[in-house]
Protein backbone atom coordinates (compact mmCIF):
# COMPACT_ATOMS: atom_id res chain seq x y z
CA MET A 1 9.21 3.28 -38.98
CA MET A 2 9.46 6.02 -36.66
CA ARG A 3 7.23 8.97 -36.69
CA THR A 4 8.82 12.23 -36.43
CA ARG A 5 6.16 14.35 -34.95
CA PRO A 6 6.54 14.22 -31.16
CA LEU A 7 4.18 13.03 -28.39
CA LYS A 8 3.77 16.09 -25.95
CA VAL A 9 3.92 15.21 -22.31
CA ALA A 10 2.94 17.78 -19.75
CA LEU A 11 4.13 17.24 -16.16
CA LEU A 12 2.13 18.26 -13.30
CA GLY A 13 4.53 18.64 -10.11
CA CYS A 14 8.40 18.90 -10.16
CA GLY A 15 9.23 17.87 -6.75
CA VAL A 16 11.35 14.90 -5.98
CA VAL A 17 9.65 12.64 -8.43
CA GLY A 18 8.71 15.04 -11.14
CA SER A 19 12.30 16.63 -11.67
CA GLU A 20 13.45 12.75 -11.83
CA VAL A 21 10.81 12.08 -14.38
CA ALA A 22 11.82 15.17 -16.37
CA ARG A 23 15.49 14.09 -16.08
CA ILE A 24 15.09 10.81 -17.46
CA MET A 25 12.75 12.04 -20.23
CA THR A 26 15.66 14.51 -21.43
CA THR A 27 18.84 12.02 -20.81
CA HIS A 28 17.26 8.76 -22.24
CA ALA A 29 15.39 10.58 -25.02
CA ASP A 30 16.75 8.69 -27.84
CA ASP A 31 15.98 5.36 -26.05
CA LEU A 32 12.55 6.31 -25.19
CA ALA A 33 11.69 7.28 -28.60
CA ALA A 34 13.10 4.02 -30.16
CA ARG A 35 11.04 1.85 -27.52
CA ILE A 36 7.62 4.07 -28.28
CA GLY A 37 8.20 4.58 -32.10
CA ALA A 38 8.07 8.35 -31.80
CA PRO A 39 9.91 11.24 -29.80
CA VAL A 40 8.50 12.41 -26.66
CA GLU A 41 8.75 16.12 -25.81
CA LEU A 42 8.03 17.75 -22.43
CA ALA A 43 5.86 20.60 -23.50
CA GLY A 44 5.16 22.24 -19.98
CA VAL A 45 5.67 21.87 -16.43
CA ALA A 46 3.41 23.07 -13.86
CA VAL A 47 4.50 24.06 -10.29
CA ARG A 48 3.60 26.07 -7.34
CA ARG A 49 7.01 28.14 -7.01
CA PRO A 50 8.03 28.94 -10.42
CA ASP A 51 11.10 30.83 -9.29
CA ARG A 52 13.01 27.66 -7.98
CA VAL A 53 16.12 26.53 -10.02
CA ARG A 54 15.26 23.34 -11.80
CA GLU A 55 18.50 21.80 -13.23
CA GLY A 56 17.79 20.57 -16.73
CA ILE A 57 14.37 22.05 -17.37
CA ASP A 58 13.94 25.00 -19.59
CA GLN A 59 12.51 27.85 -17.57
CA ALA A 60 10.14 28.77 -20.75
CA LEU A 61 8.31 25.38 -19.97
CA VAL A 62 7.57 26.14 -16.12
CA THR A 63 4.10 27.37 -15.34
CA THR A 64 1.74 27.99 -12.40
CA ASP A 65 -1.34 27.58 -14.38
CA ALA A 66 -1.76 23.97 -14.75
CA THR A 67 -5.24 24.14 -15.87
CA ALA A 68 -4.30 25.88 -18.95
CA LEU A 69 -1.66 23.43 -19.46
CA VAL A 70 -3.78 20.75 -19.46
CA LYS A 71 -6.40 22.41 -21.70
CA ARG A 72 -4.13 23.17 -24.37
CA GLY A 73 -5.59 20.59 -26.61
CA ASP A 74 -2.23 19.44 -28.26
CA ILE A 75 -1.12 17.38 -25.02
CA ASP A 76 -0.93 13.76 -25.62
CA VAL A 77 -0.29 12.61 -21.93
CA VAL A 78 -0.40 14.31 -18.82
CA VAL A 79 1.86 13.01 -15.90
CA GLU A 80 0.52 13.75 -12.49
CA VAL A 81 2.92 13.66 -9.59
CA ILE A 82 1.50 16.60 -7.38
CA GLY A 83 -0.58 14.21 -4.96
CA GLY A 84 -3.18 14.84 -2.92
CA ILE A 85 -7.16 15.03 -3.70
CA GLU A 86 -7.53 18.62 -5.42
CA PRO A 87 -6.71 20.05 -7.56
CA ALA A 88 -4.94 16.67 -8.99
CA ARG A 89 -8.87 15.37 -9.51
CA THR A 90 -10.24 18.37 -11.37
CA LEU A 91 -6.83 18.67 -13.40
CA ILE A 92 -6.99 14.90 -14.42
CA THR A 93 -10.63 14.96 -15.66
CA THR A 94 -9.89 18.05 -17.31
CA ALA A 95 -7.11 16.44 -18.95
CA PHE A 96 -9.37 13.78 -20.35
CA GLU A 97 -11.70 16.09 -21.48
CA HIS A 98 -9.22 17.72 -23.72
CA GLY A 99 -7.74 14.68 -25.13
CA ALA A 100 -5.04 13.68 -23.13
CA SER A 101 -4.45 10.37 -21.62
CA VAL A 102 -3.04 10.58 -17.84
CA VAL A 103 -0.24 8.65 -15.82
CA SER A 104 -0.61 9.18 -12.11
CA ALA A 105 1.05 8.13 -8.74
CA ASN A 106 -1.55 9.74 -6.84
CA LYS A 107 -2.55 6.58 -4.35
CA ALA A 108 -4.66 8.96 -2.10
CA LEU A 109 -6.84 10.04 -5.20
CA LEU A 110 -7.23 6.76 -6.78
CA ALA A 111 -8.26 5.16 -3.64
CA GLN A 112 -10.90 7.55 -2.78
CA ASP A 113 -12.24 8.44 -6.34
CA GLY A 114 -10.69 5.56 -8.67
CA ALA A 115 -14.02 4.59 -10.10
CA ALA A 116 -15.06 8.09 -11.26
CA LEU A 117 -11.74 8.55 -12.78
CA HIS A 118 -11.82 5.22 -14.59
CA ALA A 119 -15.11 6.41 -15.71
CA ALA A 120 -13.96 9.90 -17.02
CA ALA A 121 -11.10 7.95 -18.88
CA GLY A 122 -13.54 5.55 -20.41
CA GLU A 123 -15.92 8.40 -21.43
CA HIS A 124 -13.35 10.10 -23.35
CA ASP A 125 -11.45 6.97 -24.82
CA LYS A 126 -8.07 7.82 -22.87
CA ASP A 127 -5.87 5.65 -20.81
CA LEU A 128 -5.37 5.98 -16.94
CA TYR A 129 -2.21 4.53 -15.76
CA TYR A 130 -1.02 4.19 -12.08
CA GLU A 131 1.91 1.84 -11.51
CA ALA A 132 3.77 4.23 -9.35
CA ALA A 133 0.84 4.50 -6.83
CA VAL A 134 1.47 1.34 -5.25
CA ALA A 135 5.07 0.09 -4.32
CA GLY A 136 7.26 2.40 -6.19
CA ALA A 137 9.65 0.88 -8.80
CA ILE A 138 7.85 -2.72 -8.24
CA PRO A 139 6.10 -3.97 -11.31
CA LEU A 140 2.90 -5.03 -9.35
CA ILE A 141 -0.34 -3.29 -10.74
CA ARG A 142 0.53 -4.32 -14.36
CA PRO A 143 1.23 -8.14 -13.46
CA LEU A 144 -2.10 -7.97 -11.45
CA ARG A 145 -4.56 -6.65 -14.23
CA GLU A 146 -2.64 -8.27 -17.42
CA SER A 147 -0.12 -10.89 -16.69
CA LEU A 148 -2.53 -12.54 -14.09
CA ALA A 149 -6.07 -11.75 -15.89
CA GLY A 150 -6.77 -15.14 -16.60
CA ASP A 151 -6.29 -16.19 -13.13
CA LYS A 152 -8.19 -16.12 -9.85
CA ILE A 153 -6.34 -14.22 -7.32
CA ASN A 154 -7.20 -15.47 -3.56
CA ARG A 155 -4.66 -13.26 -1.64
CA VAL A 156 -2.55 -10.14 -1.85
CA MET A 157 -0.23 -9.66 1.36
CA GLY A 158 2.36 -7.23 1.44
CA ILE A 159 4.84 -4.47 2.89
CA VAL A 160 3.81 -1.60 0.99
CA ASN A 161 5.28 1.42 3.12
CA GLY A 162 9.22 1.58 3.30
CA THR A 163 9.07 4.23 6.37
CA THR A 164 7.27 1.55 8.65
CA ASN A 165 9.18 -1.13 7.36
CA PHE A 166 12.34 0.75 8.34
CA ILE A 167 11.01 1.34 11.87
CA LEU A 168 10.19 -2.27 12.72
CA ASP A 169 13.34 -3.83 10.94
CA LYS A 170 15.21 -1.51 13.33
CA MET A 171 13.20 -2.31 16.33
CA ASP A 172 13.61 -6.03 15.66
CA SER A 173 17.22 -6.00 14.89
CA THR A 174 18.65 -3.74 17.46
CA GLY A 175 16.01 -3.70 20.29
CA ALA A 176 15.37 -0.10 19.80
CA GLY A 177 11.92 1.30 20.96
CA TYR A 178 9.69 3.04 18.45
CA GLN A 179 10.37 6.55 18.89
CA GLU A 180 14.11 5.86 18.80
CA ALA A 181 13.71 4.11 15.35
CA LEU A 182 11.44 6.80 14.09
CA ASP A 183 14.16 9.44 15.00
CA GLU A 184 16.64 7.50 12.90
CA ALA A 185 14.16 6.99 10.04
CA THR A 186 13.45 10.83 10.11
CA ALA A 187 17.50 11.39 10.26
CA LEU A 188 17.87 9.10 7.19
CA GLY A 189 15.25 10.78 5.10
CA TYR A 190 13.19 7.69 5.27
CA ALA A 191 10.34 9.54 7.44
CA GLU A 192 8.56 13.06 6.89
CA ALA A 193 8.74 15.62 9.58
CA ASP A 194 5.04 14.49 10.05
CA PRO A 195 5.10 10.48 9.67
CA THR A 196 1.24 10.18 10.69
CA ALA A 197 0.28 8.96 7.09
CA ASP A 198 3.07 6.31 7.30
CA VAL A 199 2.91 5.21 10.63
CA GLU A 200 -0.81 5.41 11.00
CA GLY A 201 -1.27 2.98 8.15
CA PHE A 202 -3.04 5.77 5.74
CA ASP A 203 -0.54 5.57 3.14
CA ALA A 204 -0.85 1.50 3.20
CA ALA A 205 -4.47 1.69 3.42
CA ALA A 206 -4.67 3.40 0.04
CA LYS A 207 -2.58 0.98 -1.80
CA ALA A 208 -4.46 -1.82 -0.29
CA ALA A 209 -7.65 -0.49 -1.65
CA ILE A 210 -6.10 -0.07 -5.04
CA LEU A 211 -4.65 -3.52 -4.85
CA ALA A 212 -8.01 -5.21 -3.40
CA GLY A 213 -9.79 -3.49 -6.39
CA ILE A 214 -7.62 -4.82 -9.07
CA ALA A 215 -7.05 -8.02 -7.58
CA PHE A 216 -10.68 -9.05 -6.90
CA HIS A 217 -12.31 -7.31 -9.84
CA THR A 218 -14.45 -5.09 -7.29
CA ARG A 219 -14.47 -1.59 -6.55
CA VAL A 220 -12.92 -1.19 -2.78
CA ARG A 221 -12.76 2.39 -1.60
CA LEU A 222 -10.39 3.74 1.03
CA ASP A 223 -13.35 3.60 3.46
CA ASP A 224 -13.70 0.06 3.00
CA VAL A 225 -10.30 -0.82 4.17
CA TYR A 226 -9.56 -1.55 8.08
CA ARG A 227 -6.51 0.64 9.23
CA GLU A 228 -4.59 0.26 12.33
CA GLY A 229 -1.19 1.91 12.74
CA MET A 230 1.92 0.32 14.21
CA THR A 231 2.87 3.40 16.98
CA GLU A 232 1.86 0.92 19.83
CA VAL A 233 4.21 -1.87 18.88
CA THR A 234 6.88 -2.48 21.59
CA ALA A 235 9.99 -4.03 22.35
CA ALA A 236 8.10 -6.50 24.19
CA ASP A 237 5.98 -7.28 21.32
CA PHE A 238 9.07 -8.03 19.40
CA ALA A 239 10.20 -10.07 22.33
CA SER A 240 7.14 -12.20 22.30
CA ALA A 241 7.29 -12.65 18.44
CA LYS A 242 10.97 -14.05 18.69
CA GLU A 243 9.70 -16.52 21.07
CA MET A 244 7.08 -17.90 18.55
CA GLY A 245 9.74 -17.85 15.74
CA CYS A 246 8.00 -14.64 14.18
CA THR A 247 8.88 -10.94 13.55
CA ILE A 248 6.49 -7.91 13.14
CA LYS A 249 5.78 -6.06 10.02
CA LEU A 250 3.04 -3.72 9.17
CA LEU A 251 0.93 -5.59 6.53
CA ALA A 252 -1.53 -4.73 4.01
CA ILE A 253 -3.70 -7.95 3.24
CA CYS A 254 -6.58 -8.16 0.91
CA GLU A 255 -8.22 -11.57 0.73
CA ARG A 256 -11.05 -13.41 -0.84
CA ALA A 257 -13.36 -15.33 1.46
CA GLU A 258 -13.54 -18.96 1.37
CA ASP A 259 -16.81 -19.08 -0.34
CA GLY A 260 -15.71 -16.54 -2.67
CA ALA A 261 -18.62 -14.28 -2.22
CA SER A 262 -16.81 -11.62 -0.59
CA VAL A 263 -13.43 -10.00 0.10
CA THR A 264 -11.67 -7.92 2.76
CA ALA A 265 -9.06 -5.40 2.81
CA ARG A 266 -7.04 -4.57 6.07
CA VAL A 267 -3.76 -2.55 7.06
CA HIS A 268 -2.48 -3.81 10.51
CA PRO A 269 0.88 -4.89 12.33
CA ALA A 270 1.15 -8.50 12.48
CA MET A 271 3.49 -11.21 13.72
CA ILE A 272 4.68 -13.38 10.62
CA PRO A 273 6.78 -16.49 11.02
CA LEU A 274 10.73 -15.94 9.98
CA SER A 275 10.16 -18.82 7.52
CA HIS A 276 7.76 -16.63 5.58
CA PRO A 277 9.31 -14.61 2.41
CA LEU A 278 8.02 -11.25 3.67
CA ALA A 279 9.85 -11.96 7.05
CA SER A 280 13.07 -11.16 5.34
CA VAL A 281 12.17 -7.74 3.77
CA ARG A 282 14.60 -5.38 5.52
CA GLY A 283 14.98 -1.55 5.61
CA ALA A 284 12.93 0.68 3.51
CA TYR A 285 12.06 -2.04 0.87
CA ASN A 286 8.55 -3.38 -0.16
CA ALA A 287 7.49 -6.71 -1.13
CA VAL A 288 4.12 -8.19 -2.09
CA PHE A 289 3.08 -11.83 -1.54
CA VAL A 290 0.29 -12.99 -4.15
CA GLU A 291 -1.41 -16.23 -4.00
CA SER A 292 -3.77 -17.45 -7.01
CA ASP A 293 -5.23 -20.48 -7.96
CA ALA A 294 -3.13 -21.25 -11.21
CA ALA A 295 0.03 -19.47 -10.67
CA GLY A 296 0.27 -20.43 -6.89
CA GLN A 297 2.52 -18.03 -4.77
CA LEU A 298 4.51 -15.27 -6.24
CA MET A 299 6.64 -12.43 -4.83
CA PHE A 300 7.36 -9.07 -5.91
CA TYR A 301 10.27 -7.23 -4.15
CA GLY A 302 11.95 -3.80 -4.77
CA PRO A 303 12.42 -0.23 -3.58
CA GLY A 304 9.16 0.93 -2.54
CA ALA A 305 9.82 4.91 -2.60
CA GLY A 306 12.13 7.67 -3.54
CA GLY A 307 12.52 9.63 -6.78
CA SER A 308 14.30 7.25 -9.05
CA PRO A 309 12.52 4.24 -8.28
CA THR A 310 9.03 5.90 -8.66
CA ALA A 311 9.97 7.74 -11.72
CA SER A 312 11.00 4.40 -13.12
CA ALA A 313 7.30 3.46 -12.67
CA VAL A 314 5.92 6.49 -14.04
CA LEU A 315 8.17 6.26 -17.15
CA GLY A 316 7.13 2.84 -17.81
CA ASP A 317 3.60 3.92 -17.83
CA LEU A 318 4.29 6.70 -19.91
CA VAL A 319 5.94 4.24 -22.67
CA ALA A 320 2.81 2.33 -22.48
CA VAL A 321 0.46 5.07 -22.77
CA CYS A 322 2.27 6.65 -25.57
CA ARG A 323 2.29 3.38 -27.69
CA ASN A 324 -1.33 2.98 -27.24
CA ARG A 325 -1.67 6.69 -28.55
CA LEU A 326 0.22 5.81 -31.71
CA ASN A 327 -1.96 2.64 -32.35
CA GLY A 328 -5.16 4.48 -31.77
CA ALA A 329 -5.81 1.97 -28.75
CA THR A 330 -6.20 2.25 -25.01
CA GLY A 331 -5.22 -0.32 -22.54
CA PRO A 332 -6.97 -2.04 -19.78
CA GLY A 333 -9.58 0.27 -17.84
CA GLU A 334 -11.36 -0.73 -14.82
CA SER A 335 -12.51 -4.09 -13.96
CA ALA A 336 -15.13 -4.22 -11.56
CA TYR A 337 -17.53 -6.82 -12.91
CA ALA A 338 -17.33 -9.32 -9.81
CA ALA A 339 -18.97 -6.50 -7.75
CA LEU A 340 -18.24 -8.72 -4.61
CA THR A 341 -19.16 -7.80 -1.17
CA VAL A 342 -16.31 -5.93 0.75
CA SER A 343 -16.81 -7.48 4.25
CA PRO A 344 -16.16 -5.65 7.55
CA MET A 345 -13.02 -6.30 9.65
CA GLY A 346 -15.34 -8.34 12.23
CA ASP A 347 -15.77 -11.29 9.69
CA VAL A 348 -12.01 -11.60 9.11
CA VAL A 349 -10.72 -14.97 10.51
CA THR A 350 -6.76 -15.12 11.76
CA ARG A 351 -4.80 -16.32 14.53
CA TYR A 352 -4.22 -13.76 17.33
CA HIS A 353 -1.55 -13.15 20.14
CA ILE A 354 -2.72 -11.95 23.01
CA SER A 355 -0.75 -10.61 26.32
CA LEU A 356 -2.45 -10.34 29.55
CA ASP A 357 -1.26 -8.81 33.01
CA VAL A 358 -2.89 -10.80 35.66
CA ALA A 359 -2.94 -11.82 39.14
CA ASP A 360 -0.35 -14.33 40.17
CA LYS A 361 -2.89 -16.76 41.88
CA PRO A 362 -4.66 -20.28 41.47
CA GLY A 363 -7.68 -20.34 39.07
CA VAL A 364 -6.63 -17.47 36.92
CA LEU A 365 -5.98 -19.50 33.87
CA ALA A 366 -9.02 -21.90 34.45
CA GLN A 367 -11.07 -18.32 34.32
CA VAL A 368 -9.08 -16.91 31.08
CA ALA A 369 -9.67 -20.24 29.32
CA THR A 370 -13.45 -20.25 30.24
CA VAL A 371 -13.84 -16.94 28.71
CA PHE A 372 -12.11 -17.80 25.44
CA ALA A 373 -14.43 -21.22 25.21
CA GLU A 374 -17.67 -19.23 25.92
CA HIS A 375 -16.85 -16.96 22.93
CA GLY A 376 -15.92 -19.85 20.62
CA VAL A 377 -12.21 -19.00 20.50
CA SER A 378 -9.99 -22.13 20.61
CA ILE A 379 -6.66 -21.69 22.47
CA ASP A 380 -3.25 -23.12 20.55
CA THR A 381 -0.99 -22.44 23.22
CA VAL A 382 -0.49 -20.73 26.71
CA ARG A 383 2.54 -19.33 28.50
CA GLN A 384 2.42 -18.04 31.83
CA SER A 385 5.35 -16.28 34.09
CA GLY A 386 5.15 -13.94 37.09
CA LYS A 387 6.08 -13.53 40.85
CA ASP A 388 5.35 -11.27 43.58
CA GLY A 389 1.47 -11.55 42.96
CA GLU A 390 1.48 -10.16 39.67
CA ALA A 391 1.94 -12.45 36.23
CA SER A 392 2.13 -12.38 32.25
CA LEU A 393 -0.14 -14.61 30.84
CA VAL A 394 0.34 -14.99 26.83
CA VAL A 395 -2.30 -17.02 24.85
CA VAL A 396 -1.97 -17.83 21.03
CA THR A 397 -5.23 -18.75 19.49
CA HIS A 398 -6.23 -20.85 16.55
CA ARG A 399 -8.08 -19.10 13.98
CA ALA A 400 -10.95 -16.90 15.09
CA SER A 401 -13.04 -14.15 13.59
CA ASP A 402 -12.16 -10.53 14.60
CA ALA A 403 -15.62 -10.03 16.05
CA ALA A 404 -15.10 -13.26 18.40
CA LEU A 405 -11.73 -12.07 19.52
CA THR A 406 -13.05 -8.57 20.44
CA GLY A 407 -15.85 -10.12 22.37
CA THR A 408 -13.32 -12.08 24.04
CA VAL A 409 -11.19 -9.23 25.02
CA GLU A 410 -14.04 -7.17 26.39
CA ALA A 411 -15.13 -10.24 28.58
CA LEU A 412 -11.37 -10.75 29.80
CA ARG A 413 -11.17 -7.05 30.84
CA LYS A 414 -14.29 -7.52 33.46
CA LEU A 415 -12.43 -10.29 35.13
CA ASP A 416 -11.23 -9.29 38.54
CA THR A 417 -8.11 -11.25 38.07
CA VAL A 418 -7.04 -9.47 34.60
CA ARG A 419 -5.11 -6.30 35.56
CA GLY A 420 -5.14 -5.15 31.70
CA VAL A 421 -4.44 -6.40 28.15
CA ALA A 422 -0.91 -5.56 27.47
CA SER A 423 -1.15 -6.18 23.66
CA ILE A 424 -2.97 -8.06 20.98
CA MET A 425 -1.22 -8.94 17.78
CA ARG A 426 -2.55 -10.71 14.72
CA VAL A 427 -0.62 -13.73 13.66
CA GLU A 428 -0.40 -13.78 9.40
CA GLY A 429 1.28 -15.99 7.10
CA GLU A 430 0.77 -19.36 8.18
């Protein structure tokens, strides 16, 4: 039997995502009520610019006083889609204090202060859901913390930023340079006017922190995530990748050490074989590859951003939280019982592709090989080409630690015969 008294929802933010959430709540009201077991009512919308026309939203619901809205006491669920750290953090904790559960899409805040927010939710016996914070419409967080709760996850690797994937895909498929591909992404609306958060990996790093925390039952903060942007990736890098049967993606990689005692989380460009499922992810799409003991290999794929896809994830959380509210229950909270050590990037072991500019004369290859051997880095393949006294030397290693590779490169730079290190690229997915 359906409850007639509606559950009241406060919406913080009414931009691209927020306006779509409000639209779906209105146009799909009957379906949502049937799925939840009670009607849901949009009780207030907090915005910065109240005079802007918002189609389909009663102007009487619009307010600039977000604090007063979350303090009302009759609000059942607060949906936060304003982003940033403050005032979002204060508004969310205030919502818990005044009896509301929270649905958020705020990856930056969750990556920085997720533990404190979960603690506040637990203290007041309220829900904190955030499926929309990672990979847009793709169901990912709920499968990790619920469907795979009985399994041991060893690795989560994925493309979690559509802007960077569009740029790299364009460079790969057309031979365009980085700036040309970025300009096209901006013209099509895939890149912001200031693309720094995307192309320098900040956005992906926040998502990696969230994914690692859930996958490994360990608190992982944004500061724990190694981050490297993709602005230095060149057409020459893609040419080298193609010669290896690879392409290049900006990857978020969270993995458990072989001994199980520690985890790492990192974001950086990497070469991946064309045979790997992530290599075929094109355009602005996202995909996440999960490896676990029992389930084996799983892949989650779909649109990772945009108003409608992100709103879909928000509404899914809203339905779940409202159902919990009706049943007098809460869903899964933070699971950080494992408390594994988060290791630095220097401990990460992977393969490397190093391109060197060297003098074209006898003995250079032997000198370079000696440096690799002295630092314990085993060489898999070497390719050399050159003329007129200058040459290019491409070295692909077997698996080595980042610390060992860093020491190797520092030593190579000191050789008189090495003119420069043209590029260093990790090789993943093998």
